[in-house]
Amino acid sequence: MRFIKYLQEVKNELLFKVTWPTWSELQDSAIVVMVASLIIAIAVFLMDFIFGINEGSIWQGVLGFVYSLL
């Protein structure tokens, strides 16, 4: 009986108390998430490119290239 009451309260809350975003707000939020993900991906790529030192690998990064010259 408690479980049925719980489900009724969940339904009531989802239908009448939750504020759902509009389609426009949802699209704006998705764009913000995509831009933030792109910025973070570029930052990680740049850190890997600058500090990536892997001997015997094609991808050495800038420091790996400098160390290979020494």
N, C-alpha and C. Protein backbone atom coordinates (compact mmCIF):
# COMPACT_ATOMS: atom_id res chain seq x y z
N MET A 1 0.83 -1.20 0.00
CA MET A 1 0.00 0.00 0.00
C MET A 1 0.87 1.26 0.00
N ARG A 2 1.99 1.21 0.74
CA ARG A 2 2.88 2.38 0.78
C ARG A 2 3.51 2.62 -0.59
N PHE A 3 3.80 1.53 -1.30
CA PHE A 3 4.41 1.66 -2.62
C PHE A 3 3.46 2.35 -3.60
N ILE A 4 2.19 1.99 -3.56
CA ILE A 4 1.19 2.61 -4.44
C ILE A 4 1.04 4.09 -4.11
N LYS A 5 1.05 4.43 -2.83
CA LYS A 5 0.97 5.84 -2.43
C LYS A 5 2.20 6.59 -2.92
N TYR A 6 3.36 5.95 -2.81
CA TYR A 6 4.60 6.56 -3.29
C TYR A 6 4.49 6.86 -4.80
N LEU A 7 4.02 5.90 -5.58
CA LEU A 7 3.90 6.11 -7.02
C LEU A 7 2.90 7.22 -7.35
N GLN A 8 1.82 7.32 -6.59
CA GLN A 8 0.84 8.39 -6.81
C GLN A 8 1.46 9.76 -6.50
N GLU A 9 2.25 9.83 -5.44
CA GLU A 9 2.92 11.09 -5.10
C GLU A 9 3.96 11.47 -6.14
N VAL A 10 4.68 10.48 -6.68
CA VAL A 10 5.66 10.75 -7.73
C VAL A 10 4.95 11.30 -8.97
N LYS A 11 3.87 10.67 -9.35
CA LYS A 11 3.09 11.13 -10.51
C LYS A 11 2.59 12.55 -10.29
N ASN A 12 2.05 12.82 -9.12
CA ASN A 12 1.54 14.15 -8.78
C ASN A 12 2.65 15.20 -8.87
N GLU A 13 3.79 14.86 -8.33
CA GLU A 13 4.89 15.83 -8.35
C GLU A 13 5.39 16.08 -9.77
N LEU A 14 5.53 15.02 -10.57
CA LEU A 14 6.02 15.19 -11.94
C LEU A 14 5.04 15.97 -12.81
N LEU A 15 3.75 15.80 -12.56
CA LEU A 15 2.76 16.48 -13.40
C LEU A 15 2.48 17.91 -12.96
N PHE A 16 2.51 18.18 -11.67
CA PHE A 16 2.03 19.48 -11.20
C PHE A 16 3.07 20.35 -10.51
N LYS A 17 4.19 19.78 -10.07
CA LYS A 17 5.14 20.58 -9.30
C LYS A 17 6.47 20.82 -10.02
N VAL A 18 6.78 20.00 -11.00
CA VAL A 18 8.04 20.15 -11.72
C VAL A 18 7.85 21.18 -12.83
N THR A 19 8.83 22.07 -12.97
CA THR A 19 8.81 23.05 -14.04
C THR A 19 9.69 22.51 -15.18
N TRP A 20 9.07 22.13 -16.26
CA TRP A 20 9.81 21.58 -17.39
C TRP A 20 10.28 22.72 -18.29
N PRO A 21 11.50 22.60 -18.86
CA PRO A 21 11.98 23.66 -19.75
C PRO A 21 11.21 23.68 -21.06
N THR A 22 11.15 24.86 -21.64
CA THR A 22 10.54 24.96 -22.97
C THR A 22 11.53 24.42 -24.01
N TRP A 23 11.04 24.21 -25.24
CA TRP A 23 11.90 23.69 -26.29
C TRP A 23 13.07 24.65 -26.55
N SER A 24 12.81 25.95 -26.51
CA SER A 24 13.85 26.94 -26.74
C SER A 24 14.91 26.90 -25.63
N GLU A 25 14.46 26.80 -24.39
CA GLU A 25 15.41 26.71 -23.27
C GLU A 25 16.25 25.44 -23.37
N LEU A 26 15.63 24.36 -23.79
CA LEU A 26 16.34 23.09 -23.93
C LEU A 26 17.40 23.18 -25.02
N GLN A 27 17.08 23.83 -26.12
CA GLN A 27 18.05 24.01 -27.20
C GLN A 27 19.20 24.90 -26.75
N ASP A 28 18.90 25.97 -26.03
CA ASP A 28 19.95 26.86 -25.54
C ASP A 28 20.90 26.11 -24.59
N SER A 29 20.33 25.30 -23.72
CA SER A 29 21.16 24.53 -22.79
C SER A 29 22.02 23.52 -23.54
N ALA A 30 21.48 22.90 -24.56
CA ALA A 30 22.25 21.93 -25.34
C ALA A 30 23.41 22.60 -26.04
N ILE A 31 23.19 23.81 -26.56
CA ILE A 31 24.27 24.55 -27.23
C ILE A 31 25.36 24.90 -26.23
N VAL A 32 24.98 25.32 -25.03
CA VAL A 32 25.97 25.65 -24.00
C VAL A 32 26.81 24.43 -23.66
N VAL A 33 26.18 23.27 -23.52
CA VAL A 33 26.90 22.04 -23.20
C VAL A 33 27.84 21.66 -24.34
N MET A 34 27.41 21.79 -25.58
CA MET A 34 28.27 21.46 -26.72
C MET A 34 29.48 22.39 -26.81
N VAL A 35 29.27 23.67 -26.60
CA VAL A 35 30.38 24.64 -26.65
C VAL A 35 31.36 24.38 -25.52
N ALA A 36 30.85 24.14 -24.31
CA ALA A 36 31.73 23.85 -23.18
C ALA A 36 32.52 22.56 -23.42
N SER A 37 31.88 21.54 -23.98
CA SER A 37 32.57 20.29 -24.28
C SER A 37 33.66 20.50 -25.32
N LEU A 38 33.38 21.31 -26.32
CA LEU A 38 34.38 21.60 -27.34
C LEU A 38 35.58 22.35 -26.75
N ILE A 39 35.32 23.31 -25.89
CA ILE A 39 36.41 24.07 -25.26
C ILE A 39 37.27 23.15 -24.40
N ILE A 40 36.64 22.28 -23.64
CA ILE A 40 37.40 21.35 -22.79
C ILE A 40 38.20 20.38 -23.65
N ALA A 41 37.62 19.89 -24.75
CA ALA A 41 38.33 18.97 -25.64
C ALA A 41 39.54 19.65 -26.26
N ILE A 42 39.39 20.90 -26.66
CA ILE A 42 40.53 21.63 -27.23
C ILE A 42 41.61 21.85 -26.18
N ALA A 43 41.21 22.18 -24.95
CA ALA A 43 42.19 22.38 -23.88
C ALA A 43 42.96 21.09 -23.59
N VAL A 44 42.27 19.96 -23.54
CA VAL A 44 42.94 18.68 -23.30
C VAL A 44 43.87 18.34 -24.47
N PHE A 45 43.42 18.58 -25.70
CA PHE A 45 44.27 18.32 -26.86
C PHE A 45 45.54 19.17 -26.80
N LEU A 46 45.39 20.46 -26.46
CA LEU A 46 46.56 21.33 -26.40
C LEU A 46 47.53 20.89 -25.30
N MET A 47 46.99 20.48 -24.14
CA MET A 47 47.88 20.00 -23.08
C MET A 47 48.61 18.74 -23.52
N ASP A 48 47.92 17.84 -24.20
CA ASP A 48 48.56 16.63 -24.70
C ASP A 48 49.58 16.96 -25.76
N PHE A 49 49.26 17.91 -26.62
CA PHE A 49 50.18 18.29 -27.69
C PHE A 49 51.44 18.93 -27.12
N ILE A 50 51.29 19.76 -26.09
CA ILE A 50 52.43 20.47 -25.52
C ILE A 50 53.24 19.57 -24.60
N PHE A 51 52.57 18.80 -23.74
CA PHE A 51 53.28 18.04 -22.72
C PHE A 51 53.40 16.55 -23.03
N GLY A 52 52.87 16.10 -24.16
CA GLY A 52 52.89 14.67 -24.47
C GLY A 52 54.26 14.20 -24.88
N ILE A 53 54.89 13.41 -24.02
CA ILE A 53 56.22 12.89 -24.29
C ILE A 53 56.12 11.37 -24.30
N ASN A 54 56.12 10.78 -25.46
CA ASN A 54 56.06 9.33 -25.59
C ASN A 54 57.19 8.89 -26.50
N GLU A 55 58.24 8.30 -25.91
CA GLU A 55 59.36 7.85 -26.73
C GLU A 55 58.93 6.68 -27.60
N GLY A 56 59.40 6.66 -28.80
CA GLY A 56 59.09 5.58 -29.72
C GLY A 56 57.71 5.70 -30.36
N SER A 57 57.05 6.80 -30.13
CA SER A 57 55.73 7.00 -30.69
C SER A 57 55.77 8.13 -31.71
N ILE A 58 54.87 8.09 -32.66
CA ILE A 58 54.80 9.17 -33.64
C ILE A 58 54.37 10.46 -32.97
N TRP A 59 53.42 10.35 -32.04
CA TRP A 59 52.89 11.53 -31.35
C TRP A 59 53.76 11.80 -30.14
N GLN A 60 54.59 12.86 -30.21
CA GLN A 60 55.47 13.18 -29.10
C GLN A 60 55.11 14.51 -28.45
N GLY A 61 54.36 15.33 -29.10
CA GLY A 61 54.07 16.64 -28.55
C GLY A 61 55.24 17.58 -28.78
N VAL A 62 55.08 18.81 -28.37
CA VAL A 62 56.13 19.82 -28.58
C VAL A 62 57.35 19.53 -27.73
N LEU A 63 57.15 19.20 -26.44
CA LEU A 63 58.30 18.91 -25.58
C LEU A 63 59.02 17.65 -26.04
N GLY A 64 58.29 16.66 -26.49
CA GLY A 64 58.93 15.45 -27.02
C GLY A 64 59.79 15.76 -28.22
N PHE A 65 59.31 16.66 -29.09
CA PHE A 65 60.10 17.07 -30.24
C PHE A 65 61.36 17.80 -29.81
N VAL A 66 61.24 18.69 -28.82
CA VAL A 66 62.41 19.43 -28.32
C VAL A 66 63.41 18.48 -27.70
N TYR A 67 62.94 17.50 -26.91
CA TYR A 67 63.84 16.54 -26.27
C TYR A 67 64.51 15.64 -27.30
N SER A 68 63.84 15.36 -28.41
CA SER A 68 64.45 14.53 -29.44
C SER A 68 65.57 15.27 -30.16
N LEU A 69 65.52 16.60 -30.16
CA LEU A 69 66.58 17.39 -30.77
C LEU A 69 67.83 17.46 -29.90
N LEU A 70 67.67 17.27 -28.62
CA LEU A 70 68.83 17.39 -27.70
C LEU A 70 69.67 16.17 -27.68
